[in-house]
Amino acid sequence: MELSAFATKVKALGCLIRGLTLAIAIVPASLAGTVLALDLNQHGLTGSWYNPAASGQGIELEVYQDAIAPGIGYLQGSWATFAVGWESGQRWYTFGGTVRTGQASSTFEIFQNAGGNFNAPPATQGVPIGTMVLTFYDCSTAVMEYQNLRLDALGPFPGWGPFSGTSPLVRLTPNITCSVDGASRPDVDFSYSGHWFDPAIPGQGLFVELNRIAEVSFVVWYTYAADGASQGVEGQRWYTGQGKFVPGSFTLPMTLYETTGGVIGGSPDPAFAIRTQGVGTATATFFDCHTAQLTFTFTEGSNAGASGTINLSRVGPTPQGCGADLS
């Protein structure tokens, strides 16, 4: 399955790692009146999701099953997208909130981070800019409704908007462990999937997915320009990484991609055509279910010349079945 880091299907596509009218997508008629039966409180919903009508952007989800209490979990999400049409550049957001057993829909607060530098201090904190509702129809189909977004609302600027819209979502890669009844099947490889970050510089980080069915490792890296602290929201950067995944292997070489030119929500206007280029290479190494390392070299793009190593920790609790934890 060719992903080209969101390049062909989602072209390239908080303080955890925390328009022009915006395009309004209509929920497909095939979903109208669908009985909601999916259980949100399961790690199996973790993964990369996107709107096929708006390639070049998408969201990453991780569910920490029962993290709050039995039957109450926490969903952490990240959204790789672009500015509104009269601006330019990449934008990324984070969101999160509780999910409950027996419910297929929940509301989450959305945050925007700014003022950081690529793989360096200062730490940044998320500013709330709106809410979204995620509703899941099954393990591979969902709808995102974002409400009253005030985009780029940082400092004294009140932000563009408010904007609201609806976007149908499908999985980018095949479902591994999700089930309609919520009884996620543990999977040693997939359990490494989720959000990772460097505790020394909160406010940026990565989402990682290891998918044995597609035989692909997929990464979305939420960060900043080298001098992003001086650029405000325009200093945000996100990259994607893709490599071949061999089940049982936890040293993962990949190609890094940068995607530019789009607009939030997507647009058929040629002025907002997506452009994706390979900008470097990276290797992710997982030492166990809690610690990992990313080595990288950028040869092109907005962070060309940057190279280094990032020591990563898992953002949240380890899911059932991860690696040696399977026993």
C-alpha atoms as a PDB file:
ATOM      1  CA  MET A   1       0.000   0.000   0.000  1.00  0.00           C
ATOM      2  CA  GLU A   2       1.605   3.274  -1.109  1.00  0.00           C
ATOM      3  CA  LEU A   3       1.126   6.057   1.396  1.00  0.00           C
ATOM      4  CA  SER A   4       3.973   8.349   0.383  1.00  0.00           C
ATOM      5  CA  ALA A   5       3.524   9.974   3.748  1.00  0.00           C
ATOM      6  CA  PHE A   6       0.052  11.246   3.094  1.00  0.00           C
ATOM      7  CA  ALA A   7       1.451  12.048  -0.393  1.00  0.00           C
ATOM      8  CA  THR A   8      -0.869   9.976  -2.509  1.00  0.00           C
ATOM      9  CA  LYS A   9      -3.813   9.295  -0.240  1.00  0.00           C
ATOM     10  CA  VAL A  10      -3.333  12.141   2.200  1.00  0.00           C
ATOM     11  CA  LYS A  11      -0.370  13.763   0.456  1.00  0.00           C
ATOM     12  CA  ALA A  12       2.464  13.718   2.958  1.00  0.00           C
ATOM     13  CA  LEU A  13      -0.179  14.206   6.351  1.00  0.00           C
ATOM     14  CA  GLY A  14      -1.356  20.394  23.237  1.00  0.00           C
ATOM     15  CA  CYS A  15       1.082  20.486  25.190  1.00  0.00           C
ATOM     16  CA  LEU A  16       1.466  16.826  24.890  1.00  0.00           C
ATOM     17  CA  ILE A  17       3.343  17.278  21.736  1.00  0.00           C
ATOM     18  CA  ARG A  18       0.975  19.742  23.707  1.00  0.00           C
ATOM     19  CA  GLY A  19     -12.284  30.746   4.066  1.00  0.00           C
ATOM     20  CA  LEU A  20     -12.093  31.720   1.727  1.00  0.00           C
ATOM     21  CA  THR A  21     -14.843  29.660   3.268  1.00  0.00           C
ATOM     22  CA  LEU A  22     -13.639  26.469   4.861  1.00  0.00           C
ATOM     23  CA  ALA A  23     -14.645  23.430   2.862  1.00  0.00           C
ATOM     24  CA  ILE A  24     -17.788  21.820   4.294  1.00  0.00           C
ATOM     25  CA  ALA A  25     -17.978  18.087   3.653  1.00  0.00           C
ATOM     26  CA  ILE A  26     -21.341  16.306   3.681  1.00  0.00           C
ATOM     27  CA  VAL A  27     -21.697  13.034   5.548  1.00  0.00           C
ATOM     28  CA  PRO A  28     -22.137  10.331   2.889  1.00  0.00           C
ATOM     29  CA  ALA A  29     -25.716   9.214   2.352  1.00  0.00           C
ATOM     30  CA  SER A  30     -24.646   5.657   3.108  1.00  0.00           C
ATOM     31  CA  LEU A  31     -23.982   6.723   6.707  1.00  0.00           C
ATOM     32  CA  ALA A  32     -27.203   8.647   7.208  1.00  0.00           C
ATOM     33  CA  GLY A  33     -29.311   7.055   9.903  1.00  0.00           C
ATOM     34  CA  THR A  34     -26.585   4.599  10.843  1.00  0.00           C
ATOM     35  CA  VAL A  35     -27.082   3.160  14.305  1.00  0.00           C
ATOM     36  CA  LEU A  36     -24.117   4.092  16.486  1.00  0.00           C
ATOM     37  CA  ALA A  37     -22.765   0.930  18.047  1.00  0.00           C
ATOM     38  CA  LEU A  38     -19.002   1.349  18.224  1.00  0.00           C
ATOM     39  CA  ASP A  39     -17.327   1.549  21.622  1.00  0.00           C
ATOM     40  CA  LEU A  40     -14.984   4.572  21.826  1.00  0.00           C
ATOM     41  CA  ASN A  41     -13.076   3.355  24.877  1.00  0.00           C
ATOM     42  CA  GLN A  42     -10.602   1.082  23.060  1.00  0.00           C
ATOM     43  CA  HIS A  43      -7.001   1.428  21.907  1.00  0.00           C
ATOM     44  CA  GLY A  44      -7.976  -0.135  18.584  1.00  0.00           C
ATOM     45  CA  LEU A  45      -9.223   3.254  17.304  1.00  0.00           C
ATOM     46  CA  THR A  46      -5.631   4.485  17.453  1.00  0.00           C
ATOM     47  CA  GLY A  47      -4.336   5.336  13.991  1.00  0.00           C
ATOM     48  CA  SER A  48      -4.232   7.776  11.097  1.00  0.00           C
ATOM     49  CA  TRP A  49      -7.531   9.088   9.692  1.00  0.00           C
ATOM     50  CA  TYR A  50      -8.264  11.401   6.765  1.00  0.00           C
ATOM     51  CA  ASN A  51     -10.949  12.822   4.478  1.00  0.00           C
ATOM     52  CA  PRO A  52     -10.542  11.340   0.964  1.00  0.00           C
ATOM     53  CA  ALA A  53     -11.935  14.579  -0.510  1.00  0.00           C
ATOM     54  CA  ALA A  54      -9.238  16.687   1.189  1.00  0.00           C
ATOM     55  CA  SER A  55      -5.925  14.922   0.610  1.00  0.00           C
ATOM     56  CA  GLY A  56      -2.797  16.300   2.155  1.00  0.00           C
ATOM     57  CA  GLN A  57      -4.095  16.549   5.715  1.00  0.00           C
ATOM     58  CA  GLY A  58      -5.495  14.307   8.408  1.00  0.00           C
ATOM     59  CA  ILE A  59      -5.759  13.490  12.092  1.00  0.00           C
ATOM     60  CA  GLU A  60      -3.926  11.060  14.348  1.00  0.00           C
ATOM     61  CA  LEU A  61      -5.716   9.381  17.242  1.00  0.00           C
ATOM     62  CA  GLU A  62      -4.618   7.450  20.300  1.00  0.00           C
ATOM     63  CA  VAL A  63      -7.050   6.070  22.856  1.00  0.00           C
ATOM     64  CA  TYR A  64      -5.815   5.296  26.360  1.00  0.00           C
ATOM     65  CA  GLN A  65      -8.354   2.661  27.291  1.00  0.00           C
ATOM     66  CA  ASP A  66      -9.687   2.886  30.883  1.00  0.00           C
ATOM     67  CA  ALA A  67      -7.012   5.498  31.679  1.00  0.00           C
ATOM     68  CA  ILE A  68      -9.320   7.553  33.908  1.00  0.00           C
ATOM     69  CA  ALA A  69     -11.333   4.758  35.496  1.00  0.00           C
ATOM     70  CA  PRO A  70     -12.890   1.442  34.447  1.00  0.00           C
ATOM     71  CA  GLY A  71     -15.097   2.282  31.463  1.00  0.00           C
ATOM     72  CA  ILE A  72     -13.617   5.798  31.074  1.00  0.00           C
ATOM     73  CA  GLY A  73     -10.640   6.335  28.791  1.00  0.00           C
ATOM     74  CA  TYR A  74      -8.873   9.332  27.298  1.00  0.00           C
ATOM     75  CA  LEU A  75      -8.483  10.167  23.603  1.00  0.00           C
ATOM     76  CA  GLN A  76      -5.471  12.226  22.504  1.00  0.00           C
ATOM     77  CA  GLY A  77      -5.518  13.568  18.954  1.00  0.00           C
ATOM     78  CA  SER A  78      -3.378  15.659  16.631  1.00  0.00           C
ATOM     79  CA  TRP A  79      -4.388  17.369  13.376  1.00  0.00           C
ATOM     80  CA  ALA A  80      -1.961  18.082  10.525  1.00  0.00           C
ATOM     81  CA  THR A  81      -3.461  20.664   8.185  1.00  0.00           C
ATOM     82  CA  PHE A  82      -2.932  24.132   6.684  1.00  0.00           C
ATOM     83  CA  ALA A  83      -3.800  27.784   7.218  1.00  0.00           C
ATOM     84  CA  VAL A  84      -6.991  29.448   6.011  1.00  0.00           C
ATOM     85  CA  GLY A  85      -6.901  30.514   2.367  1.00  0.00           C
ATOM     86  CA  TRP A  86      -5.853  34.132   2.777  1.00  0.00           C
ATOM     87  CA  GLU A  87      -2.804  33.009   4.742  1.00  0.00           C
ATOM     88  CA  SER A  88      -0.316  30.303   3.853  1.00  0.00           C
ATOM     89  CA  GLY A  89       1.681  27.594   5.489  1.00  0.00           C
ATOM     90  CA  GLN A  90       1.231  24.491   7.572  1.00  0.00           C
ATOM     91  CA  ARG A  91      -0.781  24.409  10.771  1.00  0.00           C
ATOM     92  CA  TRP A  92      -1.207  21.734  13.411  1.00  0.00           C
ATOM     93  CA  TYR A  93      -3.485  21.355  16.379  1.00  0.00           C
ATOM     94  CA  THR A  94      -3.983  18.939  19.260  1.00  0.00           C
ATOM     95  CA  PHE A  95      -7.186  17.849  20.978  1.00  0.00           C
ATOM     96  CA  GLY A  96      -8.252  15.544  23.742  1.00  0.00           C
ATOM     97  CA  GLY A  97     -10.914  14.465  26.193  1.00  0.00           C
ATOM     98  CA  THR A  98     -12.610  11.533  27.864  1.00  0.00           C
ATOM     99  CA  VAL A  99     -14.265   8.636  26.065  1.00  0.00           C
ATOM    100  CA  ARG A 100     -16.700   6.210  27.657  1.00  0.00           C
ATOM    101  CA  THR A 101     -17.559   2.581  27.164  1.00  0.00           C
ATOM    102  CA  GLY A 102     -20.883   2.245  25.338  1.00  0.00           C
ATOM    103  CA  GLN A 103     -20.594   5.610  23.558  1.00  0.00           C
ATOM    104  CA  ALA A 104     -19.652   6.132  19.901  1.00  0.00           C
ATOM    105  CA  SER A 105     -19.354   9.924  20.043  1.00  0.00           C
ATOM    106  CA  SER A 106     -17.567  12.437  22.241  1.00  0.00           C
ATOM    107  CA  THR A 107     -16.577  16.133  22.335  1.00  0.00           C
ATOM    108  CA  PHE A 108     -12.973  17.329  22.572  1.00  0.00           C
ATOM    109  CA  GLU A 109     -11.307  20.692  23.113  1.00  0.00           C
ATOM    110  CA  ILE A 110      -8.866  21.811  20.375  1.00  0.00           C
ATOM    111  CA  PHE A 111      -5.560  23.560  21.123  1.00  0.00           C
ATOM    112  CA  GLN A 112      -2.957  25.406  19.071  1.00  0.00           C
ATOM    113  CA  ASN A 113       0.717  25.681  20.045  1.00  0.00           C
ATOM    114  CA  ALA A 114       3.137  28.320  18.772  1.00  0.00           C
ATOM    115  CA  GLY A 115       6.424  29.935  19.716  1.00  0.00           C
ATOM    116  CA  GLY A 116       8.626  26.843  19.627  1.00  0.00           C
ATOM    117  CA  ASN A 117      11.857  26.021  17.811  1.00  0.00           C
ATOM    118  CA  PHE A 118      12.698  22.863  15.896  1.00  0.00           C
ATOM    119  CA  ASN A 119      13.834  20.160  18.339  1.00  0.00           C
ATOM    120  CA  ALA A 120      14.858  22.808  20.875  1.00  0.00           C
ATOM    121  CA  PRO A 121      13.467  24.942  23.706  1.00  0.00           C
ATOM    122  CA  PRO A 122      11.358  26.751  24.629  1.00  0.00           C
ATOM    123  CA  ALA A 123       8.538  24.481  25.690  1.00  0.00           C
ATOM    124  CA  THR A 124       5.154  25.632  24.413  1.00  0.00           C
ATOM    125  CA  GLN A 125       1.657  25.375  25.806  1.00  0.00           C
ATOM    126  CA  GLY A 126      -1.581  24.857  23.926  1.00  0.00           C
ATOM    127  CA  VAL A 127      -4.151  27.650  23.659  1.00  0.00           C
ATOM    128  CA  PRO A 128      -7.813  26.524  23.336  1.00  0.00           C
ATOM    129  CA  ILE A 129      -9.316  27.585  19.991  1.00  0.00           C
ATOM    130  CA  GLY A 130     -12.553  25.573  19.697  1.00  0.00           C
ATOM    131  CA  THR A 131     -14.099  22.132  19.980  1.00  0.00           C
ATOM    132  CA  MET A 132     -14.729  19.093  17.843  1.00  0.00           C
ATOM    133  CA  VAL A 133     -17.078  16.137  18.000  1.00  0.00           C
ATOM    134  CA  LEU A 134     -15.862  12.759  16.759  1.00  0.00           C
ATOM    135  CA  THR A 135     -18.482  10.136  15.925  1.00  0.00           C
ATOM    136  CA  PHE A 136     -17.476   6.612  14.911  1.00  0.00           C
ATOM    137  CA  TYR A 137     -19.746   4.427  12.786  1.00  0.00           C
ATOM    138  CA  ASP A 138     -17.410   1.431  12.743  1.00  0.00           C
ATOM    139  CA  CYS A 139     -13.709   0.690  13.095  1.00  0.00           C
ATOM    140  CA  SER A 140     -12.803   2.397   9.812  1.00  0.00           C
ATOM    141  CA  THR A 141     -15.411   5.154   9.302  1.00  0.00           C
ATOM    142  CA  ALA A 142     -16.049   8.295  11.331  1.00  0.00           C
ATOM    143  CA  VAL A 143     -17.124  11.941  11.133  1.00  0.00           C
ATOM    144  CA  MET A 144     -15.376  14.994  12.557  1.00  0.00           C
ATOM    145  CA  GLU A 145     -17.416  18.112  13.337  1.00  0.00           C
ATOM    146  CA  TYR A 146     -15.339  21.122  14.338  1.00  0.00           C
ATOM    147  CA  GLN A 147     -17.176  23.975  16.013  1.00  0.00           C
ATOM    148  CA  ASN A 148     -16.475  27.669  16.600  1.00  0.00           C
ATOM    149  CA  LEU A 149     -12.807  27.488  15.647  1.00  0.00           C
ATOM    150  CA  ARG A 150     -10.826  30.686  16.156  1.00  0.00           C
ATOM    151  CA  LEU A 151      -7.815  29.909  13.995  1.00  0.00           C
ATOM    152  CA  ASP A 152      -4.431  31.441  14.869  1.00  0.00           C
ATOM    153  CA  ALA A 153      -5.996  33.056  17.965  1.00  0.00           C
ATOM    154  CA  LEU A 154      -2.765  33.661  19.853  1.00  0.00           C
ATOM    155  CA  GLY A 155      -1.718  36.691  21.868  1.00  0.00           C
ATOM    156  CA  PRO A 156      -3.881  39.779  21.370  1.00  0.00           C
ATOM    157  CA  PHE A 157      -5.146  38.569  17.963  1.00  0.00           C
ATOM    158  CA  PRO A 158      -8.699  37.136  18.353  1.00  0.00           C
ATOM    159  CA  GLY A 159      -8.209  34.725  15.460  1.00  0.00           C
ATOM    160  CA  TRP A 160      -9.901  34.087  12.141  1.00  0.00           C
ATOM    161  CA  GLY A 161     -13.435  32.816  12.412  1.00  0.00           C
ATOM    162  CA  PRO A 162     -15.391  31.389  14.042  1.00  0.00           C
ATOM    163  CA  PHE A 163     -15.469  28.462  11.627  1.00  0.00           C
ATOM    164  CA  SER A 164     -17.512  25.283  11.791  1.00  0.00           C
ATOM    165  CA  GLY A 165     -17.575  22.313   9.443  1.00  0.00           C
ATOM    166  CA  THR A 166     -18.054  18.580   9.025  1.00  0.00           C
ATOM    167  CA  SER A 167     -15.573  16.133   7.547  1.00  0.00           C
ATOM    168  CA  PRO A 168     -16.063  12.399   6.922  1.00  0.00           C
ATOM    169  CA  LEU A 169     -13.057  10.317   7.916  1.00  0.00           C
ATOM    170  CA  VAL A 170     -11.673   6.913   6.972  1.00  0.00           C
ATOM    171  CA  ARG A 171      -8.593   5.071   8.147  1.00  0.00           C
ATOM    172  CA  LEU A 172      -5.399   5.640   6.190  1.00  0.00           C
ATOM    173  CA  THR A 173      -4.179   2.122   6.949  1.00  0.00           C
ATOM    174  CA  PRO A 174      -6.039  -1.142   7.651  1.00  0.00           C
ATOM    175  CA  ASN A 175      -7.659  -1.757  11.031  1.00  0.00           C
ATOM    176  CA  ILE A 176      -5.529  -3.958  13.265  1.00  0.00           C
ATOM    177  CA  THR A 177      -7.171  -4.358  16.692  1.00  0.00           C
ATOM    178  CA  CYS A 178     -10.433  -2.396  16.774  1.00  0.00           C
ATOM    179  CA  SER A 179     -13.721  -4.268  17.206  1.00  0.00           C
ATOM    180  CA  VAL A 180     -17.292  -2.995  17.220  1.00  0.00           C
ATOM    181  CA  ASP A 181     -17.915  -4.383  20.712  1.00  0.00           C
ATOM    182  CA  GLY A 182     -14.835  -2.634  22.104  1.00  0.00           C
ATOM    183  CA  ALA A 183     -12.920  -5.821  22.860  1.00  0.00           C
ATOM    184  CA  SER A 184      -9.684  -4.718  21.178  1.00  0.00           C
ATOM    185  CA  ARG A 185      -7.417  -7.655  20.364  1.00  0.00           C
ATOM    186  CA  PRO A 186      -3.883  -7.117  21.705  1.00  0.00           C
ATOM    187  CA  ASP A 187      -1.224  -6.905  18.994  1.00  0.00           C
ATOM    188  CA  VAL A 188       2.472  -6.804  19.894  1.00  0.00           C
ATOM    189  CA  ASP A 189       3.528  -4.579  16.981  1.00  0.00           C
ATOM    190  CA  PHE A 190       0.560  -2.218  16.788  1.00  0.00           C
ATOM    191  CA  SER A 191       0.745  -1.570  20.531  1.00  0.00           C
ATOM    192  CA  TYR A 192       3.773   0.665  19.932  1.00  0.00           C
ATOM    193  CA  SER A 193       1.530   2.970  17.901  1.00  0.00           C
ATOM    194  CA  GLY A 194       0.632   6.297  19.473  1.00  0.00           C
ATOM    195  CA  HIS A 195       2.024   9.652  20.575  1.00  0.00           C
ATOM    196  CA  TRP A 196       5.666  10.023  21.642  1.00  0.00           C
ATOM    197  CA  PHE A 197       7.637  13.100  22.743  1.00  0.00           C
ATOM    198  CA  ASP A 198      10.846  14.390  24.291  1.00  0.00           C
ATOM    199  CA  PRO A 199      10.025  15.352  27.921  1.00  0.00           C
ATOM    200  CA  ALA A 200      12.757  18.003  27.780  1.00  0.00           C
ATOM    201  CA  ILE A 201      10.856  20.017  25.139  1.00  0.00           C
ATOM    202  CA  PRO A 202       7.091  19.531  25.566  1.00  0.00           C
ATOM    203  CA  GLY A 203       4.972  21.189  22.924  1.00  0.00           C
ATOM    204  CA  GLN A 204       6.222  19.074  20.004  1.00  0.00           C
ATOM    205  CA  GLY A 205       6.457  15.374  19.239  1.00  0.00           C
ATOM    206  CA  LEU A 206       5.483  12.496  16.984  1.00  0.00           C
ATOM    207  CA  PHE A 207       2.659  10.133  16.229  1.00  0.00           C
ATOM    208  CA  VAL A 208       3.818   6.655  15.174  1.00  0.00           C
ATOM    209  CA  GLU A 209       1.851   3.816  13.607  1.00  0.00           C
ATOM    210  CA  LEU A 210       3.196   0.310  12.998  1.00  0.00           C
ATOM    211  CA  ASN A 211       0.822  -1.518  10.666  1.00  0.00           C
ATOM    212  CA  ARG A 212       1.673  -5.152   9.925  1.00  0.00           C
ATOM    213  CA  ILE A 213      -1.170  -5.611   7.425  1.00  0.00           C
ATOM    214  CA  ALA A 214      -0.018  -2.731   5.208  1.00  0.00           C
ATOM    215  CA  GLU A 215       3.615  -3.553   6.106  1.00  0.00           C
ATOM    216  CA  VAL A 216       4.260   0.122   6.716  1.00  0.00           C
ATOM    217  CA  SER A 217       5.581   2.326   9.490  1.00  0.00           C
ATOM    218  CA  PHE A 218       4.043   5.794   9.373  1.00  0.00           C
ATOM    219  CA  VAL A 219       5.020   8.878  11.371  1.00  0.00           C
ATOM    220  CA  VAL A 220       3.618  12.403  11.671  1.00  0.00           C
ATOM    221  CA  TRP A 221       6.072  14.807  13.297  1.00  0.00           C
ATOM    222  CA  TYR A 222       4.636  17.972  14.857  1.00  0.00           C
ATOM    223  CA  THR A 223       7.331  20.594  15.368  1.00  0.00           C
ATOM    224  CA  TYR A 224       8.518  24.080  14.345  1.00  0.00           C
ATOM    225  CA  ALA A 225      10.917  25.932  12.077  1.00  0.00           C
ATOM    226  CA  ALA A 226      14.479  26.386  13.334  1.00  0.00           C
ATOM    227  CA  ASP A 227      13.571  29.976  14.288  1.00  0.00           C
ATOM    228  CA  GLY A 228       9.909  29.247  14.912  1.00  0.00           C
ATOM    229  CA  ALA A 229       9.825  31.068  18.239  1.00  0.00           C
ATOM    230  CA  SER A 230      10.027  34.378  16.378  1.00  0.00           C
ATOM    231  CA  GLN A 231       7.348  33.479  13.809  1.00  0.00           C
ATOM    232  CA  GLY A 232       4.253  32.850  15.892  1.00  0.00           C
ATOM    233  CA  VAL A 233       1.807  30.399  14.300  1.00  0.00           C
ATOM    234  CA  GLU A 234       3.689  30.669  10.998  1.00  0.00           C
ATOM    235  CA  GLY A 235       6.580  28.894  12.705  1.00  0.00           C
ATOM    236  CA  GLN A 236       4.663  25.614  12.939  1.00  0.00           C
ATOM    237  CA  ARG A 237       5.957  22.700  10.842  1.00  0.00           C
ATOM    238  CA  TRP A 238       4.837  19.119  10.380  1.00  0.00           C
ATOM    239  CA  TYR A 239       6.470  16.293   8.496  1.00  0.00           C
ATOM    240  CA  THR A 240       5.516  12.745   7.678  1.00  0.00           C
ATOM    241  CA  GLY A 241       7.679   9.654   7.498  1.00  0.00           C
ATOM    242  CA  GLN A 242       7.127   6.337   5.790  1.00  0.00           C
ATOM    243  CA  GLY A 243       9.061   3.094   5.674  1.00  0.00           C
ATOM    244  CA  LYS A 244       8.537  -0.599   5.161  1.00  0.00           C
ATOM    245  CA  PHE A 245       7.588  -2.371   8.380  1.00  0.00           C
ATOM    246  CA  VAL A 246       8.611  -5.959   9.005  1.00  0.00           C
ATOM    247  CA  PRO A 247       6.569  -7.413  11.896  1.00  0.00           C
ATOM    248  CA  GLY A 248       8.737  -7.915  14.952  1.00  0.00           C
ATOM    249  CA  SER A 249      11.311  -5.335  13.851  1.00  0.00           C
ATOM    250  CA  PHE A 250      11.685  -2.228  16.008  1.00  0.00           C
ATOM    251  CA  THR A 251      14.451  -0.420  14.151  1.00  0.00           C
ATOM    252  CA  LEU A 252      12.550   1.444  11.466  1.00  0.00           C
ATOM    253  CA  PRO A 253      14.299   3.402   8.677  1.00  0.00           C
ATOM    254  CA  MET A 254      12.050   5.805   6.776  1.00  0.00           C
ATOM    255  CA  THR A 255      11.922   8.667   4.304  1.00  0.00           C
ATOM    256  CA  LEU A 256      10.776  12.075   5.570  1.00  0.00           C
ATOM    257  CA  TYR A 257       8.359  14.227   3.550  1.00  0.00           C
ATOM    258  CA  GLU A 258       7.166  17.827   3.716  1.00  0.00           C
ATOM    259  CA  THR A 259       3.770  18.810   2.316  1.00  0.00           C
ATOM    260  CA  THR A 260       2.894  22.410   1.486  1.00  0.00           C
ATOM    261  CA  GLY A 261       0.440  24.481  -0.535  1.00  0.00           C
ATOM    262  CA  GLY A 262      -2.859  23.278   0.927  1.00  0.00           C
ATOM    263  CA  VAL A 263      -5.712  24.978   2.755  1.00  0.00           C
ATOM    264  CA  ILE A 264      -7.567  23.737   5.838  1.00  0.00           C
ATOM    265  CA  GLY A 265     -10.503  21.590   4.754  1.00  0.00           C
ATOM    266  CA  GLY A 266      -9.138  21.216   1.210  1.00  0.00           C
ATOM    267  CA  SER A 267     -10.050  23.103  -1.957  1.00  0.00           C
ATOM    268  CA  PRO A 268     -10.370  22.310  -5.695  1.00  0.00           C
ATOM    269  CA  ASP A 269      -8.768  25.690  -6.483  1.00  0.00           C
ATOM    270  CA  PRO A 270      -5.398  25.075  -8.222  1.00  0.00           C
ATOM    271  CA  ALA A 271      -3.967  27.859  -6.068  1.00  0.00           C
ATOM    272  CA  PHE A 272      -4.146  25.426  -3.146  1.00  0.00           C
ATOM    273  CA  ALA A 273      -2.684  22.387  -4.871  1.00  0.00           C
ATOM    274  CA  ILE A 274      -0.775  20.064  -2.559  1.00  0.00           C
ATOM    275  CA  ARG A 275       2.985  19.730  -3.099  1.00  0.00           C
ATOM    276  CA  THR A 276       4.959  16.958  -1.423  1.00  0.00           C
ATOM    277  CA  GLN A 277       8.709  16.362  -1.539  1.00  0.00           C
ATOM    278  CA  GLY A 278      11.126  14.056   0.160  1.00  0.00           C
ATOM    279  CA  VAL A 279      13.212  16.127   2.564  1.00  0.00           C
ATOM    280  CA  GLY A 280      15.372  13.638   4.435  1.00  0.00           C
ATOM    281  CA  THR A 281      15.657  10.345   6.248  1.00  0.00           C
ATOM    282  CA  ALA A 282      15.114   9.092   9.782  1.00  0.00           C
ATOM    283  CA  THR A 283      15.351   5.921  11.845  1.00  0.00           C
ATOM    284  CA  ALA A 284      13.055   5.213  14.784  1.00  0.00           C
ATOM    285  CA  THR A 285      14.319   2.666  17.309  1.00  0.00           C
ATOM    286  CA  PHE A 286      12.048   1.300  20.034  1.00  0.00           C
ATOM    287  CA  PHE A 287      13.911   0.069  23.116  1.00  0.00           C
ATOM    288  CA  ASP A 288      10.777  -1.029  24.945  1.00  0.00           C
ATOM    289  CA  CYS A 289       7.126  -0.014  25.262  1.00  0.00           C
ATOM    290  CA  HIS A 290       8.015   3.237  27.019  1.00  0.00           C
ATOM    291  CA  THR A 291      11.224   4.559  25.420  1.00  0.00           C
ATOM    292  CA  ALA A 292      12.409   5.111  21.872  1.00  0.00           C
ATOM    293  CA  GLN A 293      14.844   7.202  19.861  1.00  0.00           C
ATOM    294  CA  LEU A 294      14.654   9.044  16.550  1.00  0.00           C
ATOM    295  CA  THR A 295      17.743   9.912  14.523  1.00  0.00           C
ATOM    296  CA  PHE A 296      17.188  12.212  11.541  1.00  0.00           C
ATOM    297  CA  THR A 297      18.834  14.158   8.745  1.00  0.00           C
ATOM    298  CA  PHE A 298      17.092  16.827   6.651  1.00  0.00           C
ATOM    299  CA  THR A 299      18.604  17.448   3.210  1.00  0.00           C
ATOM    300  CA  GLU A 300      15.810  19.592   1.731  1.00  0.00           C
ATOM    301  CA  GLY A 301      12.813  21.655   2.817  1.00  0.00           C
ATOM    302  CA  SER A 302      12.300  24.283   5.486  1.00  0.00           C
ATOM    303  CA  ASN A 303      14.634  22.579   7.990  1.00  0.00           C
ATOM    304  CA  ALA A 304      17.336  21.570   5.481  1.00  0.00           C
ATOM    305  CA  GLY A 305      20.672  20.881   7.148  1.00  0.00           C
ATOM    306  CA  ALA A 306      19.190  19.863  10.499  1.00  0.00           C
ATOM    307  CA  SER A 307      20.245  16.516  11.953  1.00  0.00           C
ATOM    308  CA  GLY A 308      20.307  14.942  15.366  1.00  0.00           C
ATOM    309  CA  THR A 309      18.859  12.452  17.807  1.00  0.00           C
ATOM    310  CA  ILE A 310      15.691  12.728  19.909  1.00  0.00           C
ATOM    311  CA  ASN A 311      15.107  10.606  23.008  1.00  0.00           C
ATOM    312  CA  LEU A 312      11.406   9.805  23.136  1.00  0.00           C
ATOM    313  CA  SER A 313       8.999   8.745  25.849  1.00  0.00           C
ATOM    314  CA  ARG A 314       5.441   7.604  25.490  1.00  0.00           C
ATOM    315  CA  VAL A 315       2.937  10.396  26.171  1.00  0.00           C
ATOM    316  CA  GLY A 316       0.417   8.205  27.969  1.00  0.00           C
ATOM    317  CA  PRO A 317       0.057   4.752  29.515  1.00  0.00           C
ATOM    318  CA  THR A 318       1.180   1.656  27.646  1.00  0.00           C
ATOM    319  CA  PRO A 319      -1.647  -0.282  25.994  1.00  0.00           C
ATOM    320  CA  GLN A 320      -2.361  -3.875  26.845  1.00  0.00           C
ATOM    321  CA  GLY A 321      -0.255  -6.318  24.854  1.00  0.00           C
ATOM    322  CA  CYS A 322       2.683  -4.048  24.104  1.00  0.00           C
ATOM    323  CA  GLY A 323       5.916  -5.946  23.410  1.00  0.00           C
ATOM    324  CA  ALA A 324       7.149  -7.854  26.432  1.00  0.00           C
ATOM    325  CA  ASP A 325       4.093  -6.587  28.321  1.00  0.00           C
ATOM    326  CA  LEU A 326       2.049  -9.132  26.359  1.00  0.00           C
ATOM    327  CA  SER A 327       2.871 -11.761  28.952  1.00  0.00           C
END
